[in-house]
N, C-alpha and C. Protein backbone atom coordinates (compact mmCIF):
# COMPACT_ATOMS: atom_id res chain seq x y z
N MET A 1 107.92 183.39 188.18
CA MET A 1 107.87 184.72 188.75
C MET A 1 108.30 184.76 190.21
N PRO A 2 109.09 183.85 190.72
CA PRO A 2 109.34 183.87 192.15
C PRO A 2 110.02 185.13 192.66
N THR A 3 110.79 185.82 191.83
CA THR A 3 111.49 187.00 192.32
C THR A 3 110.80 188.29 191.91
N LYS A 4 109.67 188.20 191.28
CA LYS A 4 108.97 189.39 190.80
C LYS A 4 107.75 189.67 191.64
N LEU A 5 107.31 190.88 191.59
CA LEU A 5 106.14 191.26 192.35
C LEU A 5 104.86 190.78 191.69
N LEU A 6 103.96 190.29 192.50
CA LEU A 6 102.67 189.85 191.99
C LEU A 6 101.94 191.01 191.33
N SER A 7 102.13 192.22 191.85
CA SER A 7 101.44 193.37 191.28
C SER A 7 101.85 193.61 189.83
N GLU A 8 103.11 193.33 189.49
CA GLU A 8 103.54 193.48 188.09
C GLU A 8 102.75 192.53 187.20
N PHE A 9 102.55 191.31 187.68
CA PHE A 9 101.79 190.33 186.92
C PHE A 9 100.33 190.75 186.79
N LEU A 10 99.75 191.16 187.91
CA LEU A 10 98.34 191.53 187.90
C LEU A 10 98.07 192.78 187.08
N ASN A 11 99.00 193.69 187.04
CA ASN A 11 98.83 194.92 186.28
C ASN A 11 99.16 194.77 184.81
N GLY A 12 99.69 193.62 184.42
CA GLY A 12 99.97 193.38 183.02
C GLY A 12 101.22 194.08 182.52
N THR A 13 102.15 194.39 183.38
CA THR A 13 103.38 195.06 182.95
C THR A 13 104.43 194.04 182.56
N TYR A 14 105.44 194.49 181.85
CA TYR A 14 106.52 193.61 181.44
C TYR A 14 107.32 193.18 182.66
N ILE A 15 107.56 191.90 182.77
CA ILE A 15 108.28 191.38 183.92
C ILE A 15 109.78 191.30 183.61
N GLY A 16 110.16 191.10 182.38
CA GLY A 16 111.57 191.14 181.99
C GLY A 16 112.23 189.78 182.04
N GLY A 17 113.53 189.79 181.70
CA GLY A 17 114.32 188.57 181.69
C GLY A 17 113.75 187.55 180.73
N GLU A 18 113.77 186.30 181.14
CA GLU A 18 113.26 185.24 180.30
C GLU A 18 111.76 185.05 180.44
N ASN A 19 111.16 185.84 181.29
CA ASN A 19 109.72 185.74 181.50
C ASN A 19 108.97 186.37 180.33
N PRO A 20 107.76 185.93 180.09
CA PRO A 20 106.99 186.50 178.98
C PRO A 20 106.51 187.92 179.27
N ILE A 21 106.05 188.56 178.23
CA ILE A 21 105.43 189.87 178.37
C ILE A 21 103.94 189.64 178.59
N PHE A 22 103.40 190.25 179.63
CA PHE A 22 101.99 190.12 179.91
C PHE A 22 101.28 191.38 179.46
N THR A 23 100.15 191.21 178.82
CA THR A 23 99.37 192.37 178.40
C THR A 23 98.01 192.29 179.08
N GLY A 24 97.40 193.42 179.26
CA GLY A 24 96.09 193.45 179.90
C GLY A 24 96.23 193.28 181.40
N THR A 25 95.15 192.89 182.03
CA THR A 25 95.12 192.72 183.47
C THR A 25 94.68 191.32 183.79
N THR A 26 95.33 190.70 184.73
CA THR A 26 94.98 189.37 185.19
C THR A 26 94.25 189.51 186.51
N THR A 27 93.17 188.79 186.67
CA THR A 27 92.43 188.83 187.93
C THR A 27 92.47 187.46 188.58
N LEU A 28 92.30 187.46 189.86
CA LEU A 28 92.28 186.21 190.61
C LEU A 28 90.86 185.93 191.11
N GLU A 29 89.92 186.00 190.19
CA GLU A 29 88.53 185.75 190.54
C GLU A 29 88.30 184.27 190.74
N ASN A 30 87.37 183.96 191.60
CA ASN A 30 86.95 182.59 191.83
C ASN A 30 88.11 181.68 192.22
N THR A 31 89.06 182.22 192.96
CA THR A 31 90.16 181.40 193.43
C THR A 31 89.63 180.42 194.47
N ARG A 32 90.00 179.17 194.30
CA ARG A 32 89.54 178.14 195.21
C ARG A 32 90.73 177.37 195.74
N PHE A 33 90.61 176.89 196.96
CA PHE A 33 91.67 176.13 197.59
C PHE A 33 91.14 174.76 197.96
N ALA A 34 91.93 173.73 197.68
CA ALA A 34 91.55 172.37 198.04
C ALA A 34 91.65 172.19 199.54
N ILE A 35 90.59 171.66 200.15
CA ILE A 35 90.54 171.44 201.60
C ILE A 35 90.49 169.94 201.87
N THR A 36 91.32 169.51 202.81
CA THR A 36 91.28 168.13 203.27
C THR A 36 90.92 168.12 204.74
N ALA A 37 89.77 167.54 205.07
CA ALA A 37 89.34 167.40 206.45
C ALA A 37 89.88 166.07 206.97
N LEU A 38 90.78 166.13 207.93
CA LEU A 38 91.43 164.92 208.46
C LEU A 38 90.64 164.28 209.59
N GLY A 39 89.59 164.95 210.07
CA GLY A 39 88.75 164.38 211.12
C GLY A 39 89.43 164.38 212.48
N ASN A 40 89.04 163.43 213.33
CA ASN A 40 89.62 163.30 214.66
C ASN A 40 90.97 162.61 214.54
N ARG A 41 92.02 163.25 215.09
CA ARG A 41 93.37 162.69 214.94
C ARG A 41 94.14 162.73 216.24
N THR A 42 95.04 161.77 216.39
CA THR A 42 96.01 161.72 217.47
C THR A 42 97.27 161.07 216.92
N GLY A 43 98.41 161.39 217.51
CA GLY A 43 99.66 160.78 217.07
C GLY A 43 100.21 161.43 215.82
N ALA A 44 100.82 160.61 214.96
CA ALA A 44 101.49 161.10 213.75
C ALA A 44 100.47 161.53 212.70
N VAL A 45 100.66 162.74 212.17
CA VAL A 45 99.81 163.28 211.11
C VAL A 45 100.71 163.85 210.03
N SER A 46 100.60 163.30 208.82
CA SER A 46 101.39 163.79 207.69
C SER A 46 100.58 164.80 206.89
N ILE A 47 101.21 165.94 206.62
CA ILE A 47 100.60 166.98 205.80
C ILE A 47 101.25 166.91 204.43
N ASP A 48 100.47 166.55 203.42
CA ASP A 48 100.97 166.41 202.04
C ASP A 48 100.82 167.75 201.33
N LEU A 49 101.94 168.42 201.08
CA LEU A 49 101.90 169.75 200.48
C LEU A 49 101.46 169.73 199.02
N SER A 50 101.35 168.55 198.40
CA SER A 50 100.91 168.48 197.01
C SER A 50 99.43 168.13 196.89
N ALA A 51 98.80 167.73 197.99
CA ALA A 51 97.43 167.21 197.91
C ALA A 51 96.35 168.23 198.20
N ALA A 52 96.66 169.24 199.04
CA ALA A 52 95.63 170.21 199.42
C ALA A 52 96.30 171.51 199.82
N ASP A 53 95.50 172.56 199.90
CA ASP A 53 95.97 173.87 200.33
C ASP A 53 95.62 174.14 201.78
N VAL A 54 94.57 173.49 202.26
CA VAL A 54 94.07 173.70 203.61
C VAL A 54 93.79 172.34 204.23
N TYR A 55 94.25 172.17 205.46
CA TYR A 55 93.97 170.96 206.23
C TYR A 55 93.26 171.36 207.51
N THR A 56 92.29 170.55 207.93
CA THR A 56 91.60 170.77 209.19
C THR A 56 91.60 169.44 209.96
N LEU A 57 91.70 169.56 211.27
CA LEU A 57 91.62 168.35 212.10
C LEU A 57 91.19 168.72 213.50
N THR A 58 90.62 167.75 214.19
CA THR A 58 90.33 167.89 215.60
C THR A 58 91.31 167.01 216.35
N ALA A 59 92.06 167.62 217.28
CA ALA A 59 93.03 166.88 218.07
C ALA A 59 92.32 166.16 219.21
N ILE A 60 92.34 164.82 219.17
CA ILE A 60 91.77 164.01 220.26
C ILE A 60 92.88 163.42 221.11
N GLY A 61 94.10 163.79 220.81
CA GLY A 61 95.30 163.40 221.54
C GLY A 61 96.42 164.31 221.05
N ASN A 62 97.61 164.12 221.57
CA ASN A 62 98.74 164.94 221.12
C ASN A 62 99.05 164.64 219.66
N ILE A 63 99.45 165.67 218.91
CA ILE A 63 99.71 165.56 217.47
C ILE A 63 101.19 165.76 217.19
N THR A 64 101.75 164.93 216.32
CA THR A 64 103.11 165.10 215.82
C THR A 64 103.02 165.21 214.30
N PHE A 65 103.26 166.42 213.78
CA PHE A 65 103.15 166.66 212.34
C PHE A 65 104.43 166.27 211.62
N SER A 66 104.26 165.85 210.37
CA SER A 66 105.35 165.69 209.42
C SER A 66 104.86 166.26 208.10
N PHE A 67 105.79 166.56 207.19
CA PHE A 67 105.43 167.12 205.89
C PHE A 67 105.90 166.17 204.79
N ALA A 68 105.06 166.03 203.78
CA ALA A 68 105.38 165.16 202.65
C ALA A 68 105.17 165.94 201.35
N ASN A 69 105.90 165.55 200.32
CA ASN A 69 105.74 166.06 198.96
C ASN A 69 105.83 167.58 198.87
N SER A 70 106.86 168.14 199.50
CA SER A 70 107.13 169.57 199.32
C SER A 70 107.52 169.82 197.88
N PRO A 71 107.19 170.99 197.32
CA PRO A 71 107.56 171.27 195.94
C PRO A 71 109.08 171.36 195.80
N THR A 72 109.57 171.14 194.58
CA THR A 72 111.00 171.26 194.33
C THR A 72 111.44 172.70 194.59
N SER A 73 112.74 172.90 194.69
CA SER A 73 113.26 174.20 195.10
C SER A 73 113.04 175.31 194.09
N VAL A 74 112.53 175.02 192.90
CA VAL A 74 112.22 176.10 191.96
C VAL A 74 110.79 176.62 192.18
N TYR A 75 110.08 176.01 193.11
CA TYR A 75 108.72 176.43 193.44
C TYR A 75 108.60 176.65 194.95
N ALA A 76 107.62 177.42 195.33
CA ALA A 76 107.29 177.59 196.74
C ALA A 76 105.96 176.89 197.00
N GLY A 77 105.78 176.45 198.21
CA GLY A 77 104.53 175.82 198.57
C GLY A 77 104.06 176.33 199.91
N GLN A 78 102.74 176.40 200.07
CA GLN A 78 102.18 176.88 201.32
C GLN A 78 100.89 176.12 201.61
N VAL A 79 100.69 175.77 202.86
CA VAL A 79 99.43 175.19 203.31
C VAL A 79 98.99 175.88 204.60
N THR A 80 97.71 175.79 204.86
CA THR A 80 97.13 176.27 206.09
C THR A 80 96.61 175.05 206.85
N VAL A 81 96.91 175.00 208.14
CA VAL A 81 96.48 173.88 208.97
C VAL A 81 95.68 174.43 210.15
N THR A 82 94.43 174.00 210.25
CA THR A 82 93.57 174.41 211.37
C THR A 82 93.45 173.23 212.33
N VAL A 83 93.82 173.48 213.59
CA VAL A 83 93.75 172.46 214.62
C VAL A 83 92.73 172.90 215.67
N VAL A 84 91.74 172.06 215.89
CA VAL A 84 90.71 172.31 216.90
C VAL A 84 90.94 171.31 218.03
N GLN A 85 90.95 171.81 219.26
CA GLN A 85 91.04 170.92 220.42
C GLN A 85 89.68 170.23 220.61
N ASP A 86 89.70 168.99 221.04
CA ASP A 86 88.44 168.31 221.33
C ASP A 86 87.82 168.88 222.62
N ALA A 87 86.73 168.31 223.07
CA ALA A 87 86.03 168.83 224.24
C ALA A 87 86.83 168.67 225.53
N THR A 88 87.87 167.84 225.50
CA THR A 88 88.74 167.67 226.67
C THR A 88 89.84 168.73 226.68
N GLY A 89 90.43 169.00 225.51
CA GLY A 89 91.53 169.96 225.40
C GLY A 89 92.82 169.39 225.97
N GLY A 90 93.83 170.25 226.08
CA GLY A 90 95.11 169.82 226.62
C GLY A 90 96.01 169.14 225.61
N ARG A 91 95.63 169.12 224.33
CA ARG A 91 96.39 168.41 223.28
C ARG A 91 97.54 169.30 222.81
N THR A 92 98.71 168.72 222.68
CA THR A 92 99.88 169.47 222.24
C THR A 92 100.21 169.16 220.79
N ILE A 93 101.03 170.04 220.19
CA ILE A 93 101.48 169.85 218.81
C ILE A 93 103.00 169.82 218.80
N THR A 94 103.55 168.84 218.10
CA THR A 94 104.99 168.75 217.88
C THR A 94 105.22 168.86 216.39
N TRP A 95 106.19 169.71 216.00
CA TRP A 95 106.51 169.93 214.59
C TRP A 95 107.81 169.23 214.25
N PRO A 96 108.03 168.88 212.97
CA PRO A 96 109.28 168.20 212.60
C PRO A 96 110.49 169.13 212.70
N ALA A 97 111.68 168.54 212.65
CA ALA A 97 112.92 169.31 212.76
C ALA A 97 113.06 170.34 211.65
N SER A 98 112.42 170.12 210.52
CA SER A 98 112.50 171.08 209.40
C SER A 98 111.71 172.35 209.67
N ALA A 99 110.85 172.35 210.69
CA ALA A 99 110.01 173.51 211.00
C ALA A 99 110.83 174.59 211.70
N LYS A 100 110.70 175.81 211.20
CA LYS A 100 111.39 176.97 211.77
C LYS A 100 110.35 178.00 212.15
N PHE A 101 110.59 178.73 213.25
CA PHE A 101 109.61 179.63 213.83
C PHE A 101 110.22 180.99 214.10
N ASP A 102 109.35 182.02 214.21
CA ASP A 102 109.79 183.33 214.65
C ASP A 102 110.50 183.18 215.99
N GLY A 103 111.69 183.73 216.10
CA GLY A 103 112.42 183.65 217.35
C GLY A 103 113.00 182.29 217.66
N GLY A 104 112.79 181.31 216.78
CA GLY A 104 113.39 179.99 216.94
C GLY A 104 112.62 179.00 217.79
N THR A 105 111.48 179.40 218.33
CA THR A 105 110.71 178.50 219.20
C THR A 105 109.26 178.47 218.75
N SER A 106 108.71 177.26 218.70
CA SER A 106 107.31 177.11 218.30
C SER A 106 106.40 177.74 219.34
N PRO A 107 105.46 178.58 218.90
CA PRO A 107 104.48 179.09 219.86
C PRO A 107 103.58 177.93 220.31
N PRO A 108 103.18 177.92 221.56
CA PRO A 108 102.33 176.81 222.01
C PRO A 108 100.93 176.89 221.42
N ALA A 109 100.38 175.74 221.16
CA ALA A 109 98.99 175.68 220.71
C ALA A 109 98.09 176.06 221.87
N THR A 110 96.93 176.61 221.53
CA THR A 110 95.91 176.87 222.54
C THR A 110 95.37 175.51 222.96
N THR A 111 95.36 175.22 224.25
CA THR A 111 94.99 173.88 224.69
C THR A 111 93.67 173.82 225.46
N THR A 112 92.93 174.92 225.51
CA THR A 112 91.63 174.87 226.17
C THR A 112 90.66 174.07 225.32
N ALA A 113 89.67 173.50 225.94
CA ALA A 113 88.68 172.69 225.24
C ALA A 113 88.04 173.46 224.10
N ASN A 114 87.94 172.84 222.96
CA ASN A 114 87.29 173.37 221.75
C ASN A 114 88.00 174.58 221.14
N ALA A 115 89.23 174.88 221.57
CA ALA A 115 89.97 176.01 221.01
C ALA A 115 90.39 175.70 219.57
N LYS A 116 90.54 176.76 218.78
CA LYS A 116 90.92 176.61 217.38
C LYS A 116 92.11 177.51 217.09
N ASP A 117 93.19 176.91 216.55
CA ASP A 117 94.37 177.64 216.10
C ASP A 117 94.55 177.41 214.61
N VAL A 118 95.02 178.43 213.91
CA VAL A 118 95.26 178.35 212.47
C VAL A 118 96.76 178.58 212.24
N TRP A 119 97.41 177.63 211.61
CA TRP A 119 98.85 177.67 211.34
C TRP A 119 99.09 177.77 209.84
N THR A 120 100.15 178.47 209.45
CA THR A 120 100.56 178.46 208.05
C THR A 120 101.94 177.82 207.95
N VAL A 121 102.15 177.09 206.87
CA VAL A 121 103.42 176.42 206.61
C VAL A 121 103.88 176.83 205.22
N TRP A 122 105.12 177.24 205.12
CA TRP A 122 105.65 177.78 203.87
C TRP A 122 107.03 177.18 203.62
N THR A 123 107.31 176.71 202.41
CA THR A 123 108.63 176.21 202.05
C THR A 123 109.00 176.69 200.66
N TYR A 124 110.26 176.92 200.43
CA TYR A 124 110.74 177.35 199.11
C TYR A 124 112.05 176.66 198.74
N ASP A 125 112.52 175.75 199.57
CA ASP A 125 113.81 175.11 199.33
C ASP A 125 113.70 173.59 199.20
N GLY A 126 112.62 173.14 198.58
CA GLY A 126 112.43 171.71 198.37
C GLY A 126 112.05 170.95 199.63
N GLY A 127 111.64 171.66 200.66
CA GLY A 127 111.20 171.02 201.89
C GLY A 127 112.30 170.85 202.93
N THR A 128 113.49 171.41 202.65
CA THR A 128 114.55 171.37 203.66
C THR A 128 114.13 172.15 204.89
N THR A 129 113.47 173.28 204.66
CA THR A 129 112.98 174.15 205.73
C THR A 129 111.50 174.40 205.53
N HIS A 130 110.74 174.33 206.60
CA HIS A 130 109.32 174.69 206.57
C HIS A 130 109.14 175.82 207.58
N HIS A 131 108.76 176.99 207.10
CA HIS A 131 108.52 178.13 207.97
C HIS A 131 107.08 178.01 208.48
N VAL A 132 106.95 177.90 209.78
CA VAL A 132 105.64 177.68 210.39
C VAL A 132 105.28 178.88 211.27
N SER A 133 104.08 179.40 211.07
CA SER A 133 103.60 180.54 211.86
C SER A 133 102.24 180.21 212.44
N LEU A 134 102.03 180.67 213.66
CA LEU A 134 100.70 180.61 214.25
C LEU A 134 99.96 181.83 213.77
N ALA A 135 99.18 181.66 212.71
CA ALA A 135 98.52 182.78 212.04
C ALA A 135 97.38 183.36 212.88
N GLN A 136 96.59 182.48 213.50
CA GLN A 136 95.48 182.92 214.35
C GLN A 136 95.42 182.01 215.56
N LYS A 137 95.44 182.59 216.73
CA LYS A 137 95.44 181.83 217.98
C LYS A 137 94.08 181.96 218.66
N ASP A 138 93.53 180.81 219.06
CA ASP A 138 92.28 180.76 219.81
C ASP A 138 91.16 181.53 219.09
N VAL A 139 90.93 181.15 217.86
CA VAL A 139 89.92 181.80 217.03
C VAL A 139 88.53 181.53 217.62
N LYS A 140 87.75 182.57 217.75
CA LYS A 140 86.39 182.44 218.31
C LYS A 140 85.37 182.83 217.28
């Protein structure tokens, strides 16, 4: 269903083409997301897009992210990454070359002590491009 509206699926309407006919209503009750707590991290951090939906970490030094196991180009994949600054703060984030941002430049992470930023990562082309957004900055 990558080119169809989710509402068509949820409402049970015919989606067409080679897709099946859905009857009734589908609900997304009790949806759960796998969370991986990476703990205190510095340096290279790999985000495995096949292992979890949500990653959390505390930056105790500068972080350089990479992405592993992006879905094939017939699927889309998305993860959420929460980065908390340690009590010292000042930790920076570097994203891989595949990361693309609004306006072409990565927004800076909040670097004050104990600050929390929430990032989303989205890919649909087999991991050639990862669209990265700062979803929530300095969450309190």
